[in-house]
C-alpha cells in the first residue's frame, strides 16, 4: 500500500511504499521547449480565422532520413541503480587505455555489447550509480570562482 503526500507550495512530493527499492521505476521525459511550442491565445471570434494546418510546421526528414523532432524529445524508463551511459562515457570506455578499475572494464564490456546490439537507447539522459566514481570537483577542490 502506498501513501502519497503532496506539498502545494513547492511541488514536492513524498511517496512511501513497502515495496523493495529495486522495484522503483522512473519515467523521465525530456522535451525542448521553445516559443514556437506554445499556442498563443486568440479570442473565440478569431479562433477559426486564417488557420494553417499544424502539419505544415512539422519538420520533414532530411536526405539521410534523420527526423529533427527526434532531437527535441526523449523519454525513458529508468530502474533503481540502472546505468545509462552518457556520450562522454561511451567515448571514454571504448578506449581500453582509459580503463583503470574492474568497474571501468565492466563498463567497457557493456558499451561494446551495446554497440554490437545497435547502440544505446538514450541520447541525453544518463545516470550515475552508487558504484560510479563520480565526484563533484567543487566538493574536492572547493569553489572554482571567488
Protein backbone atom coordinates (compact mmCIF):
# COMPACT_ATOMS: atom_id res chain seq x y z
CA UNK A 1 0.00 0.00 0.00
CA UNK A 2 1.44 3.37 -0.95
CA UNK A 3 0.72 6.76 0.52
CA UNK A 4 1.33 10.00 -1.37
CA UNK A 5 1.78 13.32 0.43
CA UNK A 6 1.80 16.46 -1.73
CA UNK A 7 3.08 19.89 -0.83
CA UNK A 8 1.19 22.54 -2.80
CA UNK A 9 3.77 25.23 -2.00
CA UNK A 10 6.84 23.80 -3.76
CA UNK A 11 5.58 21.00 -5.98
CA UNK A 12 7.49 18.40 -3.96
CA UNK A 13 6.03 15.00 -3.16
CA UNK A 14 6.88 12.17 -0.82
CA UNK A 15 5.95 8.69 -1.93
CA UNK A 16 6.07 5.98 0.70
CA UNK A 17 5.96 2.34 -0.26
CA UNK A 18 6.70 -1.00 1.38
CA UNK A 19 7.97 -2.40 -1.93
CA UNK A 20 11.70 -3.07 -2.23
CA UNK A 21 13.57 -0.16 -3.81
CA UNK A 22 14.71 -2.43 -6.67
CA UNK A 23 11.08 -2.26 -7.91
CA UNK A 24 11.29 1.53 -8.31
CA UNK A 25 10.89 2.72 -11.92
CA UNK A 26 11.00 6.35 -13.03
CA UNK A 27 9.73 7.64 -16.35
CA UNK A 28 11.82 10.62 -17.43
CA UNK A 29 10.55 12.81 -20.24
CA UNK A 30 12.90 15.44 -21.64
CA UNK A 31 11.49 17.92 -24.14
CA UNK A 32 12.91 21.07 -25.68
CA UNK A 33 10.53 23.97 -25.15
CA UNK A 34 10.73 26.95 -27.47
CA UNK A 35 8.44 29.87 -28.13
CA UNK A 36 7.10 28.09 -31.21
CA UNK A 37 5.88 25.21 -28.99
CA UNK A 38 3.24 27.40 -27.36
CA UNK A 39 -0.07 28.30 -28.92
CA UNK A 40 -0.99 31.90 -28.31
CA UNK A 41 -4.41 32.87 -27.00
CA UNK A 42 -6.90 34.04 -29.62
CA UNK A 43 -10.39 35.38 -28.90
CA UNK A 44 -13.20 32.99 -29.85
CA UNK A 45 -14.31 35.23 -32.74
CA UNK A 46 -10.87 34.94 -34.38
CA UNK A 47 -10.29 31.28 -33.49
CA UNK A 48 -11.00 29.79 -36.95
CA UNK A 49 -9.80 32.76 -38.96
CA UNK A 50 -6.63 32.27 -41.06
CA UNK A 51 -5.96 28.73 -39.80
CA UNK A 52 -2.96 26.82 -41.14
CA UNK A 53 -2.71 23.07 -40.67
CA UNK A 54 -0.16 22.27 -37.92
CA UNK A 55 1.32 19.51 -40.11
CA UNK A 56 2.72 22.32 -42.26
CA UNK A 57 5.09 23.24 -39.45
CA UNK A 58 6.32 19.73 -38.65
CA UNK A 59 9.96 19.22 -39.61
CA UNK A 60 10.43 16.99 -42.63
CA UNK A 61 13.06 14.21 -42.70
CA UNK A 62 16.41 15.20 -44.16
CA UNK A 63 18.01 13.35 -47.07
CA UNK A 64 19.70 11.00 -44.57
CA UNK A 65 16.32 10.05 -43.07
CA UNK A 66 17.06 11.88 -39.79
CA UNK A 67 13.94 13.47 -38.30
CA UNK A 68 14.74 16.72 -36.44
CA UNK A 69 11.97 16.20 -33.86
CA UNK A 70 13.86 13.14 -32.59
CA UNK A 71 16.34 15.58 -31.06
CA UNK A 72 13.57 17.61 -29.46
CA UNK A 73 12.17 14.93 -27.20
CA UNK A 74 13.37 11.89 -25.26
CA UNK A 75 11.54 9.59 -22.88
CA UNK A 76 12.95 6.64 -21.00
CA UNK A 77 12.04 4.43 -18.02
CA UNK A 78 14.87 4.03 -15.52
CA UNK A 79 15.13 1.41 -12.80
CA UNK A 80 16.85 1.76 -9.45
CA UNK A 81 20.65 1.86 -9.90
CA UNK A 82 20.27 1.28 -13.64
CA UNK A 83 23.29 2.53 -15.56
CA UNK A 84 22.64 4.65 -18.65
CA UNK A 85 25.90 5.80 -20.19
CA UNK A 86 26.48 9.38 -21.24
CA UNK A 87 28.06 10.02 -24.63
CA UNK A 88 31.25 11.04 -22.79
CA UNK A 89 31.35 7.67 -21.01
CA UNK A 90 30.72 5.78 -24.25
CA UNK A 91 33.62 7.59 -25.92
CA UNK A 92 35.84 7.15 -22.86
CA UNK A 93 35.30 3.42 -22.26
CA UNK A 94 35.65 2.47 -25.92
CA UNK A 95 39.34 3.19 -25.38
CA UNK A 96 40.78 0.32 -23.32
CA UNK A 97 43.69 2.50 -22.16
CA UNK A 98 41.21 4.66 -20.23
CA UNK A 99 40.12 1.73 -18.05
CA UNK A 100 41.69 1.84 -14.58
CA UNK A 101 39.49 -0.37 -12.42
CA UNK A 102 37.46 -3.58 -12.73
CA UNK A 103 34.32 -1.42 -12.95
CA UNK A 104 35.83 0.50 -15.89
CA UNK A 105 36.48 -2.80 -17.69
CA UNK A 106 32.92 -3.94 -16.91
CA UNK A 107 31.56 -0.69 -18.35
CA UNK A 108 33.76 -1.16 -21.40
CA UNK A 109 32.29 -4.63 -21.99
CA UNK A 110 28.74 -3.31 -21.56
CA UNK A 111 29.38 -0.47 -24.02
CA UNK A 112 30.92 -2.80 -26.60
CA UNK A 113 27.91 -5.10 -26.21
CA UNK A 114 25.56 -2.12 -26.63
CA UNK A 115 27.37 -1.03 -29.80
CA UNK A 116 27.09 -4.55 -31.26
CA UNK A 117 23.36 -4.70 -30.49
CA UNK A 118 22.50 -1.40 -32.19
CA UNK A 119 23.58 1.30 -29.77
CA UNK A 120 22.29 2.79 -26.56
CA UNK A 121 18.61 3.63 -26.02
CA UNK A 122 19.26 7.07 -24.53
CA UNK A 123 20.69 10.21 -26.12
CA UNK A 124 20.83 12.94 -23.48
CA UNK A 125 19.51 11.25 -20.35
CA UNK A 126 22.19 9.39 -18.39
CA UNK A 127 22.64 8.14 -14.84
CA UNK A 128 25.25 7.70 -12.15
CA UNK A 129 25.02 4.74 -9.78
CA UNK A 130 26.41 4.20 -6.28
CA UNK A 131 29.36 2.27 -7.69
CA UNK A 132 30.42 5.06 -10.10
CA UNK A 133 33.44 7.06 -9.06
CA UNK A 134 31.77 10.35 -9.92
CA UNK A 135 32.79 13.22 -7.67
CA UNK A 136 31.75 16.81 -7.85
CA UNK A 137 35.01 18.73 -8.29
CA UNK A 138 33.70 21.57 -6.12
CA UNK A 139 33.41 19.13 -3.21
CA UNK A 140 37.06 18.13 -3.58
CA UNK A 141 38.75 21.35 -4.72
CA UNK A 142 36.42 23.94 -3.25
CA UNK A 143 34.59 26.63 -5.20
CA UNK A 144 36.25 27.46 -8.53
CA UNK A 145 35.06 31.07 -8.62
CA UNK A 146 35.66 33.66 -5.89
